[in-house]
Amino acid sequence: MKRQQIIDNFEEVCLEKNTLIEVEGNPPKYLWLLLEGEFDIYKKPESLFDKNKATDSSKLNLWSNPKDSGNLQIGCKVGIIKNYNLVCEDSLFFRQPLIYSIRCKTNVTAWRY
Protein backbone atom coordinates (compact mmCIF):
# COMPACT_ATOMS: atom_id res chain seq x y z
CA MET A 1 0.00 0.00 0.00
CA LYS A 2 2.72 2.51 0.99
CA ARG A 3 4.77 1.70 -2.12
CA GLN A 4 1.78 2.44 -4.32
CA GLN A 5 1.29 5.80 -2.57
CA ILE A 6 4.90 6.73 -3.35
CA ILE A 7 4.49 5.77 -7.01
CA ASP A 8 1.21 7.68 -7.22
CA ASN A 9 2.93 10.84 -5.95
CA PHE A 10 5.43 10.94 -8.82
CA GLU A 11 4.62 13.51 -11.50
CA GLU A 12 5.60 12.91 -15.13
CA VAL A 13 7.26 15.92 -16.79
CA CYS A 14 8.69 16.65 -20.23
CA LEU A 15 11.63 19.06 -20.26
CA GLU A 16 13.35 20.76 -23.17
CA LYS A 17 17.03 20.51 -24.01
CA ASN A 18 19.26 22.88 -21.96
CA THR A 19 16.74 23.22 -19.09
CA LEU A 20 18.61 23.71 -15.81
CA ILE A 21 16.74 21.59 -13.26
CA GLU A 22 18.97 21.60 -10.15
CA VAL A 23 21.80 23.89 -8.99
CA GLU A 24 24.90 23.01 -6.99
CA GLY A 25 24.87 24.30 -3.41
CA ASN A 26 21.07 24.32 -3.14
CA PRO A 27 18.82 21.64 -1.68
CA PRO A 28 17.29 19.56 -4.46
CA LYS A 29 13.76 20.47 -5.48
CA TYR A 30 12.81 16.92 -6.47
CA LEU A 31 13.85 13.31 -6.62
CA TRP A 32 14.18 12.61 -10.36
CA LEU A 33 13.71 9.34 -12.23
CA LEU A 34 14.99 9.83 -15.77
CA LEU A 35 12.82 7.83 -18.21
CA GLU A 36 13.98 9.11 -21.62
CA GLY A 37 16.84 11.40 -22.60
CA GLU A 38 20.04 12.48 -20.89
CA PHE A 39 21.15 14.88 -18.14
CA ASP A 40 24.53 16.64 -18.11
CA ILE A 41 26.18 16.94 -14.69
CA TYR A 42 28.24 20.04 -13.86
CA LYS A 43 30.57 20.73 -10.94
CA LYS A 44 32.37 23.86 -9.75
CA PRO A 45 35.73 22.65 -8.40
CA GLU A 46 36.89 25.14 -5.77
CA SER A 47 40.40 25.23 -7.22
CA LEU A 48 39.10 26.42 -10.60
CA PHE A 49 36.45 28.96 -9.58
CA ASP A 50 36.70 32.25 -7.73
CA LYS A 51 33.30 33.80 -6.93
CA ASN A 52 31.50 32.35 -10.01
CA LYS A 53 34.43 33.09 -12.32
CA ALA A 54 36.50 30.34 -13.90
CA THR A 55 40.20 30.77 -13.25
CA ASP A 56 41.97 27.89 -15.00
CA SER A 57 40.42 24.77 -16.49
CA SER A 58 43.55 23.66 -18.36
CA LYS A 59 44.28 21.33 -15.44
CA LEU A 60 41.19 19.33 -16.41
CA ASN A 61 41.69 18.87 -20.14
CA LEU A 62 39.33 15.88 -20.31
CA TRP A 63 36.43 17.95 -18.92
CA SER A 64 34.44 20.46 -20.92
CA ASN A 65 35.93 23.92 -20.60
CA PRO A 66 33.18 26.06 -19.03
CA LYS A 67 34.39 29.12 -20.95
CA ASP A 68 33.65 27.31 -24.23
CA SER A 69 30.44 25.57 -23.21
CA GLY A 70 28.32 28.60 -22.35
CA ASN A 71 27.75 27.07 -18.91
CA LEU A 72 30.31 29.06 -16.91
CA GLN A 73 27.83 29.81 -14.13
CA ILE A 74 27.22 26.10 -13.42
CA GLY A 75 30.80 24.83 -13.79
CA CYS A 76 32.61 22.13 -15.71
CA LYS A 77 30.74 19.25 -17.29
CA VAL A 78 31.78 16.12 -15.40
CA GLY A 79 29.35 13.48 -16.60
CA ILE A 80 26.16 12.33 -18.27
CA ILE A 81 23.21 10.49 -16.75
CA LYS A 82 21.19 8.33 -19.14
CA ASN A 83 17.65 6.97 -18.85
CA TYR A 84 16.40 4.78 -16.03
CA ASN A 85 18.47 6.43 -13.30
CA LEU A 86 17.51 8.15 -10.06
CA VAL A 87 19.00 11.61 -9.54
CA CYS A 88 19.27 13.74 -6.36
CA GLU A 89 18.45 10.85 -4.04
CA ASP A 90 21.72 11.27 -2.13
CA SER A 91 21.08 14.91 -1.23
CA LEU A 92 17.41 14.32 -0.42
CA PHE A 93 17.98 11.31 1.80
CA PHE A 94 20.82 12.95 3.74
CA ARG A 95 19.25 16.45 3.66
CA GLN A 96 22.37 17.99 2.16
CA PRO A 97 22.83 20.63 -0.55
CA LEU A 98 23.64 19.30 -3.99
CA ILE A 99 27.29 18.91 -4.92
CA TYR A 100 26.50 19.20 -8.64
CA SER A 101 24.18 20.99 -11.09
CA ILE A 102 21.94 19.19 -13.59
CA ARG A 103 21.01 20.39 -17.08
CA CYS A 104 19.01 18.53 -19.74
CA LYS A 105 21.39 17.41 -22.48
CA THR A 106 18.45 16.35 -24.66
CA ASN A 107 14.70 16.62 -24.45
CA VAL A 108 13.80 14.62 -21.35
CA THR A 109 10.85 12.68 -19.99
CA ALA A 110 11.15 12.11 -16.26
CA TRP A 111 9.20 11.45 -13.11
CA ARG A 112 9.76 13.82 -10.21
CA TYR A 113 8.73 13.40 -6.60
C-alpha atoms as a PDB file:
ATOM      1  CA  MET A   1       0.000   0.000   0.000  1.00  0.00           C
ATOM      2  CA  LYS A   2       2.717   2.514   0.992  1.00  0.00           C
ATOM      3  CA  ARG A   3       4.771   1.701  -2.120  1.00  0.00           C
ATOM      4  CA  GLN A   4       1.781   2.436  -4.315  1.00  0.00           C
ATOM      5  CA  GLN A   5       1.288   5.795  -2.574  1.00  0.00           C
ATOM      6  CA  ILE A   6       4.896   6.730  -3.355  1.00  0.00           C
ATOM      7  CA  ILE A   7       4.491   5.768  -7.008  1.00  0.00           C
ATOM      8  CA  ASP A   8       1.207   7.684  -7.222  1.00  0.00           C
ATOM      9  CA  ASN A   9       2.931  10.843  -5.946  1.00  0.00           C
ATOM     10  CA  PHE A  10       5.429  10.940  -8.819  1.00  0.00           C
ATOM     11  CA  GLU A  11       4.620  13.508 -11.499  1.00  0.00           C
ATOM     12  CA  GLU A  12       5.604  12.912 -15.134  1.00  0.00           C
ATOM     13  CA  VAL A  13       7.258  15.920 -16.790  1.00  0.00           C
ATOM     14  CA  CYS A  14       8.693  16.646 -20.235  1.00  0.00           C
ATOM     15  CA  LEU A  15      11.633  19.060 -20.259  1.00  0.00           C
ATOM     16  CA  GLU A  16      13.354  20.759 -23.166  1.00  0.00           C
ATOM     17  CA  LYS A  17      17.028  20.509 -24.014  1.00  0.00           C
ATOM     18  CA  ASN A  18      19.257  22.881 -21.956  1.00  0.00           C
ATOM     19  CA  THR A  19      16.740  23.222 -19.088  1.00  0.00           C
ATOM     20  CA  LEU A  20      18.610  23.709 -15.806  1.00  0.00           C
ATOM     21  CA  ILE A  21      16.736  21.593 -13.259  1.00  0.00           C
ATOM     22  CA  GLU A  22      18.965  21.604 -10.154  1.00  0.00           C
ATOM     23  CA  VAL A  23      21.798  23.890  -8.990  1.00  0.00           C
ATOM     24  CA  GLU A  24      24.902  23.006  -6.987  1.00  0.00           C
ATOM     25  CA  GLY A  25      24.870  24.299  -3.411  1.00  0.00           C
ATOM     26  CA  ASN A  26      21.065  24.324  -3.139  1.00  0.00           C
ATOM     27  CA  PRO A  27      18.819  21.638  -1.676  1.00  0.00           C
ATOM     28  CA  PRO A  28      17.289  19.557  -4.461  1.00  0.00           C
ATOM     29  CA  LYS A  29      13.764  20.473  -5.482  1.00  0.00           C
ATOM     30  CA  TYR A  30      12.809  16.923  -6.466  1.00  0.00           C
ATOM     31  CA  LEU A  31      13.845  13.314  -6.624  1.00  0.00           C
ATOM     32  CA  TRP A  32      14.178  12.613 -10.356  1.00  0.00           C
ATOM     33  CA  LEU A  33      13.708   9.342 -12.234  1.00  0.00           C
ATOM     34  CA  LEU A  34      14.988   9.826 -15.766  1.00  0.00           C
ATOM     35  CA  LEU A  35      12.824   7.832 -18.207  1.00  0.00           C
ATOM     36  CA  GLU A  36      13.984   9.107 -21.622  1.00  0.00           C
ATOM     37  CA  GLY A  37      16.839  11.403 -22.601  1.00  0.00           C
ATOM     38  CA  GLU A  38      20.039  12.480 -20.887  1.00  0.00           C
ATOM     39  CA  PHE A  39      21.152  14.875 -18.144  1.00  0.00           C
ATOM     40  CA  ASP A  40      24.533  16.637 -18.107  1.00  0.00           C
ATOM     41  CA  ILE A  41      26.181  16.940 -14.689  1.00  0.00           C
ATOM     42  CA  TYR A  42      28.238  20.042 -13.856  1.00  0.00           C
ATOM     43  CA  LYS A  43      30.574  20.733 -10.937  1.00  0.00           C
ATOM     44  CA  LYS A  44      32.373  23.862  -9.747  1.00  0.00           C
ATOM     45  CA  PRO A  45      35.729  22.648  -8.395  1.00  0.00           C
ATOM     46  CA  GLU A  46      36.892  25.145  -5.769  1.00  0.00           C
ATOM     47  CA  SER A  47      40.401  25.225  -7.217  1.00  0.00           C
ATOM     48  CA  LEU A  48      39.097  26.418 -10.603  1.00  0.00           C
ATOM     49  CA  PHE A  49      36.452  28.961  -9.580  1.00  0.00           C
ATOM     50  CA  ASP A  50      36.697  32.246  -7.729  1.00  0.00           C
ATOM     51  CA  LYS A  51      33.299  33.799  -6.932  1.00  0.00           C
ATOM     52  CA  ASN A  52      31.499  32.347 -10.009  1.00  0.00           C
ATOM     53  CA  LYS A  53      34.427  33.095 -12.323  1.00  0.00           C
ATOM     54  CA  ALA A  54      36.502  30.336 -13.901  1.00  0.00           C
ATOM     55  CA  THR A  55      40.202  30.771 -13.252  1.00  0.00           C
ATOM     56  CA  ASP A  56      41.965  27.893 -15.000  1.00  0.00           C
ATOM     57  CA  SER A  57      40.419  24.775 -16.488  1.00  0.00           C
ATOM     58  CA  SER A  58      43.547  23.659 -18.361  1.00  0.00           C
ATOM     59  CA  LYS A  59      44.282  21.330 -15.438  1.00  0.00           C
ATOM     60  CA  LEU A  60      41.186  19.328 -16.414  1.00  0.00           C
ATOM     61  CA  ASN A  61      41.687  18.874 -20.143  1.00  0.00           C
ATOM     62  CA  LEU A  62      39.328  15.878 -20.311  1.00  0.00           C
ATOM     63  CA  TRP A  63      36.427  17.945 -18.924  1.00  0.00           C
ATOM     64  CA  SER A  64      34.437  20.456 -20.918  1.00  0.00           C
ATOM     65  CA  ASN A  65      35.931  23.916 -20.601  1.00  0.00           C
ATOM     66  CA  PRO A  66      33.176  26.057 -19.031  1.00  0.00           C
ATOM     67  CA  LYS A  67      34.394  29.116 -20.947  1.00  0.00           C
ATOM     68  CA  ASP A  68      33.653  27.312 -24.228  1.00  0.00           C
ATOM     69  CA  SER A  69      30.437  25.571 -23.213  1.00  0.00           C
ATOM     70  CA  GLY A  70      28.322  28.598 -22.355  1.00  0.00           C
ATOM     71  CA  ASN A  71      27.748  27.073 -18.906  1.00  0.00           C
ATOM     72  CA  LEU A  72      30.310  29.056 -16.913  1.00  0.00           C
ATOM     73  CA  GLN A  73      27.832  29.812 -14.128  1.00  0.00           C
ATOM     74  CA  ILE A  74      27.222  26.101 -13.423  1.00  0.00           C
ATOM     75  CA  GLY A  75      30.798  24.833 -13.790  1.00  0.00           C
ATOM     76  CA  CYS A  76      32.615  22.126 -15.708  1.00  0.00           C
ATOM     77  CA  LYS A  77      30.738  19.251 -17.286  1.00  0.00           C
ATOM     78  CA  VAL A  78      31.782  16.122 -15.400  1.00  0.00           C
ATOM     79  CA  GLY A  79      29.346  13.484 -16.596  1.00  0.00           C
ATOM     80  CA  ILE A  80      26.160  12.331 -18.266  1.00  0.00           C
ATOM     81  CA  ILE A  81      23.210  10.486 -16.753  1.00  0.00           C
ATOM     82  CA  LYS A  82      21.194   8.328 -19.138  1.00  0.00           C
ATOM     83  CA  ASN A  83      17.651   6.972 -18.854  1.00  0.00           C
ATOM     84  CA  TYR A  84      16.399   4.781 -16.034  1.00  0.00           C
ATOM     85  CA  ASN A  85      18.468   6.432 -13.301  1.00  0.00           C
ATOM     86  CA  LEU A  86      17.508   8.147 -10.062  1.00  0.00           C
ATOM     87  CA  VAL A  87      19.000  11.608  -9.542  1.00  0.00           C
ATOM     88  CA  CYS A  88      19.274  13.739  -6.360  1.00  0.00           C
ATOM     89  CA  GLU A  89      18.453  10.846  -4.037  1.00  0.00           C
ATOM     90  CA  ASP A  90      21.725  11.266  -2.134  1.00  0.00           C
ATOM     91  CA  SER A  91      21.079  14.905  -1.231  1.00  0.00           C
ATOM     92  CA  LEU A  92      17.406  14.321  -0.424  1.00  0.00           C
ATOM     93  CA  PHE A  93      17.978  11.312   1.797  1.00  0.00           C
ATOM     94  CA  PHE A  94      20.820  12.947   3.741  1.00  0.00           C
ATOM     95  CA  ARG A  95      19.250  16.447   3.662  1.00  0.00           C
ATOM     96  CA  GLN A  96      22.368  17.994   2.163  1.00  0.00           C
ATOM     97  CA  PRO A  97      22.832  20.627  -0.548  1.00  0.00           C
ATOM     98  CA  LEU A  98      23.638  19.300  -3.990  1.00  0.00           C
ATOM     99  CA  ILE A  99      27.290  18.905  -4.925  1.00  0.00           C
ATOM    100  CA  TYR A 100      26.498  19.205  -8.645  1.00  0.00           C
ATOM    101  CA  SER A 101      24.185  20.989 -11.094  1.00  0.00           C
ATOM    102  CA  ILE A 102      21.940  19.188 -13.591  1.00  0.00           C
ATOM    103  CA  ARG A 103      21.007  20.391 -17.079  1.00  0.00           C
ATOM    104  CA  CYS A 104      19.013  18.532 -19.741  1.00  0.00           C
ATOM    105  CA  LYS A 105      21.394  17.412 -22.482  1.00  0.00           C
ATOM    106  CA  THR A 106      18.454  16.353 -24.660  1.00  0.00           C
ATOM    107  CA  ASN A 107      14.698  16.620 -24.454  1.00  0.00           C
ATOM    108  CA  VAL A 108      13.799  14.619 -21.351  1.00  0.00           C
ATOM    109  CA  THR A 109      10.853  12.679 -19.989  1.00  0.00           C
ATOM    110  CA  ALA A 110      11.153  12.108 -16.257  1.00  0.00           C
ATOM    111  CA  TRP A 111       9.200  11.448 -13.115  1.00  0.00           C
ATOM    112  CA  ARG A 112       9.757  13.818 -10.214  1.00  0.00           C
ATOM    113  CA  TYR A 113       8.730  13.396  -6.596  1.00  0.00           C
END
